[in-house]
Amino acid sequence: MRPVIGITTSTLQGKAVASSEQPRFGLYCNYVERVQEAGGLPLMLPSVLPGEAASYVARLDGLLLSGGVDVDPSEYGVAPHPRLGEVDKARDAFELALVRAAHAAHLPILAICRGMQVANVAFGGTLVQDIPSELPGAGVHSPAGKAPSDASHPVRLEAGTGLQRLAGEDEVVVNSFHHQSVQRVAPLFRITARAQDGVVEGMEALGGAFFQCVQWHPERLGAEALTRSLFREFMAEAARVRA
């Protein structure tokens, strides 16, 4: 059987749905498509009570933390910045519990954009809440007028990291849709990629387990070589768990 990959979802409410509709869980199709192409069986995960996280993990072979709204700064002990965006406390609580349980169970984990930020906070890291106002001189990380699949800026891959090995080169050009980023890296991780302005664009867990985190959106760069390699290795690790 194909490995089962849990993918976290966004809670759509308020402006995201018509006023007459109830809140609902949602996910961009790209995540599902990349998992299917790599040989996995995607399973969408709603944000439920944190106490249910271990029960979900017991049924999974891998975990994909998807993108979405900002992480609430109370989760890493900081007051909210004036330019903090929308947050979802229920999603934060569930995903923090979920990624901790998945790592404890030795599941392969792929964390994308918000997912990378959740992973960092889950294991003791902190975030820059708003790049433009907190990091003067930083490049544009959420460019206006760019399509989701448009490459925006280069990132430098750190030599000797798993991400650099998967890319087979020292620099790649990525898409970019974020105003937050990793600040203090959690002790579990090492940096694998940085933008030219120094903003952290990738991390991986120390110790050899497949736990890759990227700040860009590889699921929307389906034909790009690193995307294919990243999802292929993720699925290979999940298949080993399944076996």
Protein backbone atom coordinates (compact mmCIF):
# COMPACT_ATOMS: atom_id res chain seq x y z
CA MET A 1 0.00 0.00 0.00
CA ARG A 2 1.08 3.57 -0.63
CA PRO A 3 2.34 5.53 2.40
CA VAL A 4 -0.32 7.67 4.05
CA ILE A 5 0.70 11.33 4.28
CA GLY A 6 -1.22 13.61 6.62
CA ILE A 7 -1.49 17.20 5.36
CA THR A 8 -2.58 19.99 7.68
CA THR A 9 -5.38 22.29 6.55
CA SER A 10 -6.41 25.92 6.98
CA THR A 11 -9.59 26.96 8.76
CA LEU A 12 -11.51 29.21 6.39
CA GLN A 13 -13.81 31.70 8.05
CA GLY A 14 -14.76 35.37 8.05
CA LYS A 15 -13.58 36.97 4.80
CA ALA A 16 -12.41 33.62 3.43
CA VAL A 17 -15.98 32.29 3.03
CA ALA A 18 -19.34 33.81 2.22
CA SER A 19 -20.99 35.38 5.26
CA SER A 20 -23.84 32.88 5.08
CA GLU A 21 -21.54 29.86 5.30
CA GLN A 22 -20.09 28.05 8.27
CA PRO A 23 -16.29 27.91 8.73
CA ARG A 24 -14.66 25.07 6.83
CA PHE A 25 -11.29 23.39 6.47
CA GLY A 26 -9.43 23.83 3.19
CA LEU A 27 -6.20 23.03 1.36
CA TYR A 28 -4.70 24.06 -1.97
CA CYS A 29 -4.75 21.16 -4.43
CA ASN A 30 -1.01 21.50 -5.15
CA TYR A 31 -0.09 19.80 -1.87
CA VAL A 32 -2.26 16.80 -2.70
CA GLU A 33 -0.99 16.63 -6.27
CA ARG A 34 2.69 16.62 -5.26
CA VAL A 35 2.09 13.84 -2.71
CA GLN A 36 0.19 11.76 -5.26
CA GLU A 37 2.84 12.27 -7.94
CA ALA A 38 5.52 11.08 -5.53
CA GLY A 39 3.54 7.91 -4.74
CA GLY A 40 1.80 8.83 -1.49
CA LEU A 41 -1.82 8.67 -0.36
CA PRO A 42 -2.76 12.16 0.87
CA LEU A 43 -4.99 12.54 3.94
CA MET A 44 -6.25 16.01 4.88
CA LEU A 45 -6.09 16.72 8.61
CA PRO A 46 -8.56 19.12 10.24
CA SER A 47 -7.42 21.19 13.21
CA VAL A 48 -8.93 19.36 16.16
CA LEU A 49 -8.09 19.29 19.87
CA PRO A 50 -4.34 18.86 20.55
CA GLY A 51 -5.09 15.72 22.52
CA GLU A 52 -6.07 13.99 19.26
CA ALA A 53 -2.65 14.58 17.65
CA ALA A 54 -1.12 11.27 18.75
CA SER A 55 -4.11 9.33 17.44
CA TYR A 56 -3.64 10.88 14.01
CA VAL A 57 0.11 10.23 14.03
CA ALA A 58 -0.50 6.54 14.80
CA ARG A 59 -2.35 6.28 11.48
CA LEU A 60 0.21 8.14 9.35
CA ASP A 61 3.45 7.28 7.58
CA GLY A 62 4.51 10.89 7.06
CA LEU A 63 3.43 14.44 7.89
CA LEU A 64 3.28 17.52 5.67
CA LEU A 65 2.79 20.86 7.47
CA SER A 66 1.20 23.22 4.96
CA GLY A 67 1.21 27.01 4.66
CA GLY A 68 -1.30 29.44 6.07
CA VAL A 69 -1.80 32.30 8.51
CA ASP A 70 0.72 33.68 11.01
CA VAL A 71 1.70 31.74 14.13
CA ASP A 72 0.44 33.43 17.29
CA PRO A 73 3.48 34.98 19.04
CA SER A 74 2.13 33.95 22.44
CA GLU A 75 3.30 30.44 21.48
CA TYR A 76 6.92 31.63 21.70
CA GLY A 77 6.46 34.13 24.52
CA VAL A 78 6.46 37.42 22.61
CA ALA A 79 3.91 40.24 22.42
CA PRO A 80 2.13 40.69 19.08
CA HIS A 81 3.75 43.06 16.59
CA PRO A 82 1.52 45.83 15.13
CA ARG A 83 1.88 44.20 11.70
CA LEU A 84 1.04 40.69 12.85
CA GLY A 85 -1.43 39.14 10.40
CA GLU A 86 -4.35 36.81 10.98
CA VAL A 87 -3.73 34.01 13.48
CA ASP A 88 -5.56 30.78 14.29
CA LYS A 89 -4.98 29.70 17.87
CA ALA A 90 -6.80 26.38 17.45
CA ARG A 91 -4.70 25.47 14.43
CA ASP A 92 -1.51 26.49 16.24
CA ALA A 93 -2.32 24.31 19.24
CA PHE A 94 -3.14 21.26 17.12
CA GLU A 95 -0.18 21.56 14.77
CA LEU A 96 2.34 22.14 17.54
CA ALA A 97 1.13 18.96 19.25
CA LEU A 98 1.00 17.14 15.91
CA VAL A 99 4.56 17.88 14.82
CA ARG A 100 5.96 17.01 18.25
CA ALA A 101 4.10 13.69 18.21
CA ALA A 102 5.19 12.94 14.64
CA HIS A 103 8.84 13.64 15.45
CA ALA A 104 8.65 11.50 18.60
CA ALA A 105 7.22 8.68 16.46
CA HIS A 106 10.11 9.04 13.95
CA LEU A 107 7.83 9.93 11.05
CA PRO A 108 9.34 11.80 8.10
CA ILE A 109 8.18 15.43 8.12
CA LEU A 110 8.07 18.05 5.40
CA ALA A 111 7.25 21.57 6.61
CA ILE A 112 6.37 24.32 4.12
CA CYS A 113 6.21 28.10 4.74
CA ARG A 114 4.01 28.48 7.86
CA GLY A 115 4.79 24.82 8.49
CA MET A 116 8.48 25.65 8.87
CA GLN A 117 7.59 28.37 11.35
CA VAL A 118 5.34 26.00 13.32
CA ALA A 119 8.13 23.41 13.44
CA ASN A 120 10.63 25.97 14.72
CA VAL A 121 8.28 27.21 17.45
CA ALA A 122 7.33 23.65 18.44
CA PHE A 123 10.91 22.87 19.39
CA GLY A 124 11.88 26.13 21.09
CA GLY A 125 12.59 28.63 18.32
CA THR A 126 11.22 32.12 17.71
CA LEU A 127 10.02 34.10 14.69
CA VAL A 128 10.44 37.47 13.05
CA GLN A 129 6.83 38.67 13.03
CA ASP A 130 7.17 41.10 10.12
CA ILE A 131 10.25 41.12 7.89
CA PRO A 132 9.77 44.60 6.32
CA SER A 133 9.56 46.42 9.66
CA GLU A 134 11.84 44.24 11.79
CA LEU A 135 14.65 43.60 9.32
CA PRO A 136 15.54 46.91 7.65
CA GLY A 137 17.20 46.37 4.30
CA ALA A 138 15.75 42.90 3.79
CA GLY A 139 14.64 41.92 0.32
CA VAL A 140 11.03 41.51 -0.78
CA HIS A 141 9.68 38.19 0.43
CA SER A 142 6.05 38.68 -0.54
CA PRO A 143 6.19 40.35 -3.96
CA ALA A 144 3.06 41.97 -5.38
CA GLY A 145 1.83 40.81 -8.75
CA LYS A 146 3.66 37.49 -8.76
CA ALA A 147 1.86 34.26 -9.60
CA PRO A 148 2.26 31.43 -7.04
CA SER A 149 4.52 29.53 -9.42
CA ASP A 150 6.76 32.51 -10.24
CA ALA A 151 10.31 32.32 -8.92
CA SER A 152 11.12 35.47 -6.93
CA HIS A 153 14.64 35.30 -5.51
CA PRO A 154 17.65 32.99 -5.14
CA VAL A 155 18.50 31.10 -1.96
CA ARG A 156 21.95 29.79 -1.06
CA LEU A 157 22.04 26.18 0.12
CA GLU A 158 24.45 25.29 2.92
CA ALA A 159 27.14 22.79 1.96
CA GLY A 160 26.84 19.34 3.48
CA THR A 161 23.13 19.57 4.25
CA GLY A 162 20.45 17.16 3.10
CA LEU A 163 18.73 19.93 1.18
CA GLN A 164 21.90 20.79 -0.75
CA ARG A 165 22.36 17.09 -1.56
CA LEU A 166 18.80 16.86 -2.88
CA ALA A 167 19.26 19.98 -5.02
CA GLY A 168 22.63 18.90 -6.38
CA GLU A 169 23.68 22.54 -6.52
CA ASP A 170 24.54 25.41 -4.20
CA GLU A 171 21.84 27.87 -5.21
CA VAL A 172 18.22 27.64 -6.35
CA VAL A 173 15.64 30.26 -7.29
CA VAL A 174 12.38 29.99 -5.35
CA ASN A 175 8.94 31.52 -5.07
CA SER A 176 8.21 33.58 -1.96
CA PHE A 177 4.97 34.47 -0.13
CA HIS A 178 5.74 35.29 3.50
CA HIS A 179 6.19 38.27 5.80
CA GLN A 180 7.35 36.20 8.79
CA SER A 181 10.49 34.10 9.10
CA VAL A 182 12.61 32.12 11.52
CA GLN A 183 14.50 34.26 14.04
CA ARG A 184 16.15 32.05 16.69
CA VAL A 185 16.55 28.55 15.30
CA ALA A 186 15.32 25.79 17.61
CA PRO A 187 18.07 23.49 18.96
CA LEU A 188 16.63 20.56 16.99
CA PHE A 189 17.52 22.17 13.65
CA ARG A 190 20.35 23.50 11.56
CA ILE A 191 19.98 26.07 8.79
CA THR A 192 20.06 24.67 5.27
CA ALA A 193 19.27 27.76 3.17
CA ARG A 194 19.33 31.54 3.34
CA ALA A 195 18.17 34.31 1.04
CA GLN A 196 20.74 36.88 -0.09
CA ASP A 197 19.59 39.21 2.71
CA GLY A 198 20.27 36.56 5.36
CA VAL A 199 16.65 35.53 5.98
CA VAL A 200 16.47 31.84 6.89
CA GLU A 201 14.83 29.91 4.04
CA GLY A 202 15.45 26.30 5.07
CA MET A 203 16.14 24.07 8.09
CA GLU A 204 16.55 20.38 8.74
CA ALA A 205 16.61 18.30 11.90
CA LEU A 206 19.96 17.23 13.28
CA GLY A 207 20.61 13.54 13.62
CA GLY A 208 19.72 12.21 10.19
CA ALA A 209 15.91 11.87 10.35
CA PHE A 210 13.98 13.23 7.37
CA PHE A 211 12.63 16.51 8.76
CA GLN A 212 12.99 19.12 6.04
CA CYS A 213 11.63 22.65 6.36
CA VAL A 214 11.49 25.22 3.55
CA GLN A 215 10.14 28.76 3.65
CA TRP A 216 9.10 28.81 0.00
CA HIS A 217 6.33 26.78 -1.68
CA PRO A 218 7.83 23.81 -3.57
CA GLU A 219 4.37 22.32 -4.07
CA ARG A 220 3.69 25.19 -6.50
CA LEU A 221 6.95 24.59 -8.38
CA GLY A 222 6.02 21.10 -9.49
CA ALA A 223 8.42 20.87 -12.44
CA GLU A 224 11.43 22.18 -10.53
CA ALA A 225 14.17 19.61 -9.88
CA LEU A 226 14.51 20.25 -6.14
CA THR A 227 10.74 19.94 -5.69
CA ARG A 228 10.75 16.52 -7.32
CA SER A 229 13.74 15.35 -5.29
CA LEU A 230 12.29 16.71 -2.04
CA PHE A 231 8.93 14.98 -2.44
CA ARG A 232 10.52 11.80 -3.81
CA GLU A 233 12.79 11.38 -0.78
CA PHE A 234 9.98 12.34 1.60
CA MET A 235 7.85 9.58 0.11
CA ALA A 236 10.70 7.06 0.14
CA GLU A 237 11.14 7.64 3.87
CA ALA A 238 7.39 7.34 4.43
CA ALA A 239 7.39 4.07 2.48
CA ARG A 240 10.04 2.71 4.85
CA VAL A 241 7.82 3.59 7.79
CA ARG A 242 4.89 1.89 6.05
CA ALA A 243 6.95 -1.26 5.51
